[in-house]
Amino acid sequence: MDETEPKPLYWEASYEIVLALIEHHPNADLDTLGLQQLLDMIVTLPGFADDPILAHDGLLTAILREWYEEIDFLL
């Protein structure tokens, strides 16, 4: 694998997805972000390699919660 290519992202790697979201969407307003918007943001991340149809509300909510927590930690 070329070192300039992003590491493949799969649903089970939620923390890596969150880090990629922070990097690629630093100004996202998490308070107004809907689950469909979040899904669209995730599947368009460089390196996202999983099947979008596997996403469900519980998974997306958990990713959003982890994103909130990570942002709070970084502040």
C-alpha atoms as a PDB file:
ATOM      1  CA  MET A   1       0.000   0.000   0.000  1.00  0.00           C
ATOM      2  CA  ASP A   2       1.227   3.478  -0.898  1.00  0.00           C
ATOM      3  CA  GLU A   3       1.983   5.538   2.211  1.00  0.00           C
ATOM      4  CA  THR A   4       0.159   8.539   0.717  1.00  0.00           C
ATOM      5  CA  GLU A   5      -3.083   6.554   0.515  1.00  0.00           C
ATOM      6  CA  PRO A   6      -5.321   6.747   3.579  1.00  0.00           C
ATOM      7  CA  LYS A   7      -5.727   3.639   5.684  1.00  0.00           C
ATOM      8  CA  PRO A   8      -8.989   1.873   4.805  1.00  0.00           C
ATOM      9  CA  LEU A   9     -11.825   2.786   7.168  1.00  0.00           C
ATOM     10  CA  TYR A  10     -14.441   0.254   8.219  1.00  0.00           C
ATOM     11  CA  TRP A  11     -17.463   0.638  10.494  1.00  0.00           C
ATOM     12  CA  GLU A  12     -15.836  -1.230  13.377  1.00  0.00           C
ATOM     13  CA  ALA A  13     -13.031   1.378  13.461  1.00  0.00           C
ATOM     14  CA  SER A  14     -15.267   4.107  14.858  1.00  0.00           C
ATOM     15  CA  TYR A  15     -12.428   5.960  16.583  1.00  0.00           C
ATOM     16  CA  GLU A  16     -10.469   6.193  13.312  1.00  0.00           C
ATOM     17  CA  ILE A  17     -13.629   7.379  11.565  1.00  0.00           C
ATOM     18  CA  VAL A  18     -14.040  10.090  14.212  1.00  0.00           C
ATOM     19  CA  LEU A  19     -10.425  11.235  13.776  1.00  0.00           C
ATOM     20  CA  ALA A  20     -10.932  11.422  10.012  1.00  0.00           C
ATOM     21  CA  LEU A  21     -14.171  13.386  10.499  1.00  0.00           C
ATOM     22  CA  ILE A  22     -12.377  15.858  12.766  1.00  0.00           C
ATOM     23  CA  GLU A  23      -9.641  16.277  10.176  1.00  0.00           C
ATOM     24  CA  HIS A  24     -11.914  16.632   7.150  1.00  0.00           C
ATOM     25  CA  HIS A  25     -14.838  18.471   8.784  1.00  0.00           C
ATOM     26  CA  PRO A  26     -13.243  20.637  11.498  1.00  0.00           C
ATOM     27  CA  ASN A  27     -16.072  23.174  11.517  1.00  0.00           C
ATOM     28  CA  ALA A  28     -18.988  20.742  11.577  1.00  0.00           C
ATOM     29  CA  ASP A  29     -21.824  21.804  13.875  1.00  0.00           C
ATOM     30  CA  LEU A  30     -22.481  18.589  15.767  1.00  0.00           C
ATOM     31  CA  ASP A  31     -25.578  20.053  17.412  1.00  0.00           C
ATOM     32  CA  THR A  32     -27.399  20.346  14.086  1.00  0.00           C
ATOM     33  CA  LEU A  33     -25.854  17.366  12.287  1.00  0.00           C
ATOM     34  CA  GLY A  34     -28.421  14.777  11.254  1.00  0.00           C
ATOM     35  CA  LEU A  35     -27.697  11.078  10.940  1.00  0.00           C
ATOM     36  CA  GLN A  36     -28.095  11.131   7.136  1.00  0.00           C
ATOM     37  CA  GLN A  37     -25.625  14.030   6.939  1.00  0.00           C
ATOM     38  CA  LEU A  38     -23.236  12.106   9.163  1.00  0.00           C
ATOM     39  CA  LEU A  39     -23.563   9.016   6.973  1.00  0.00           C
ATOM     40  CA  ASP A  40     -22.839  11.095   3.863  1.00  0.00           C
ATOM     41  CA  MET A  41     -19.776  12.620   5.538  1.00  0.00           C
ATOM     42  CA  ILE A  42     -18.443   9.203   6.568  1.00  0.00           C
ATOM     43  CA  VAL A  43     -18.877   7.410   3.250  1.00  0.00           C
ATOM     44  CA  THR A  44     -17.095  10.249   1.425  1.00  0.00           C
ATOM     45  CA  LEU A  45     -14.067  10.178   3.740  1.00  0.00           C
ATOM     46  CA  PRO A  46     -10.829   9.293   1.945  1.00  0.00           C
ATOM     47  CA  GLY A  47     -10.205   5.613   2.501  1.00  0.00           C
ATOM     48  CA  PHE A  48     -13.739   4.669   3.550  1.00  0.00           C
ATOM     49  CA  ALA A  49     -13.966   1.081   2.346  1.00  0.00           C
ATOM     50  CA  ASP A  50     -17.013  -0.462   4.026  1.00  0.00           C
ATOM     51  CA  ASP A  51     -20.534  -0.973   2.756  1.00  0.00           C
ATOM     52  CA  PRO A  52     -22.739   2.076   3.524  1.00  0.00           C
ATOM     53  CA  ILE A  53     -25.789  -0.188   3.758  1.00  0.00           C
ATOM     54  CA  LEU A  54     -24.369  -1.663   6.985  1.00  0.00           C
ATOM     55  CA  ALA A  55     -24.862   1.665   8.772  1.00  0.00           C
ATOM     56  CA  HIS A  56     -27.792   1.960  11.167  1.00  0.00           C
ATOM     57  CA  ASP A  57     -29.021   4.621  13.560  1.00  0.00           C
ATOM     58  CA  GLY A  58     -27.359   3.027  16.601  1.00  0.00           C
ATOM     59  CA  LEU A  59     -23.964   2.898  14.902  1.00  0.00           C
ATOM     60  CA  LEU A  60     -24.202   6.460  13.596  1.00  0.00           C
ATOM     61  CA  THR A  61     -25.374   7.755  16.982  1.00  0.00           C
ATOM     62  CA  ALA A  62     -22.423   6.028  18.668  1.00  0.00           C
ATOM     63  CA  ILE A  63     -19.999   7.625  16.178  1.00  0.00           C
ATOM     64  CA  LEU A  64     -21.575  11.027  16.767  1.00  0.00           C
ATOM     65  CA  ARG A  65     -21.293  10.552  20.546  1.00  0.00           C
ATOM     66  CA  GLU A  66     -17.645   9.556  20.181  1.00  0.00           C
ATOM     67  CA  TRP A  67     -17.038  12.641  18.006  1.00  0.00           C
ATOM     68  CA  TYR A  68     -18.533  14.857  20.749  1.00  0.00           C
ATOM     69  CA  GLU A  69     -16.321  13.189  23.358  1.00  0.00           C
ATOM     70  CA  GLU A  70     -13.192  13.542  21.269  1.00  0.00           C
ATOM     71  CA  ILE A  71     -13.867  17.217  20.567  1.00  0.00           C
ATOM     72  CA  ASP A  72     -14.415  17.834  24.306  1.00  0.00           C
ATOM     73  CA  PHE A  73     -11.130  16.044  25.043  1.00  0.00           C
ATOM     74  CA  LEU A  74      -9.231  18.166  22.504  1.00  0.00           C
ATOM     75  CA  LEU A  75     -10.578  21.455  23.888  1.00  0.00           C
END
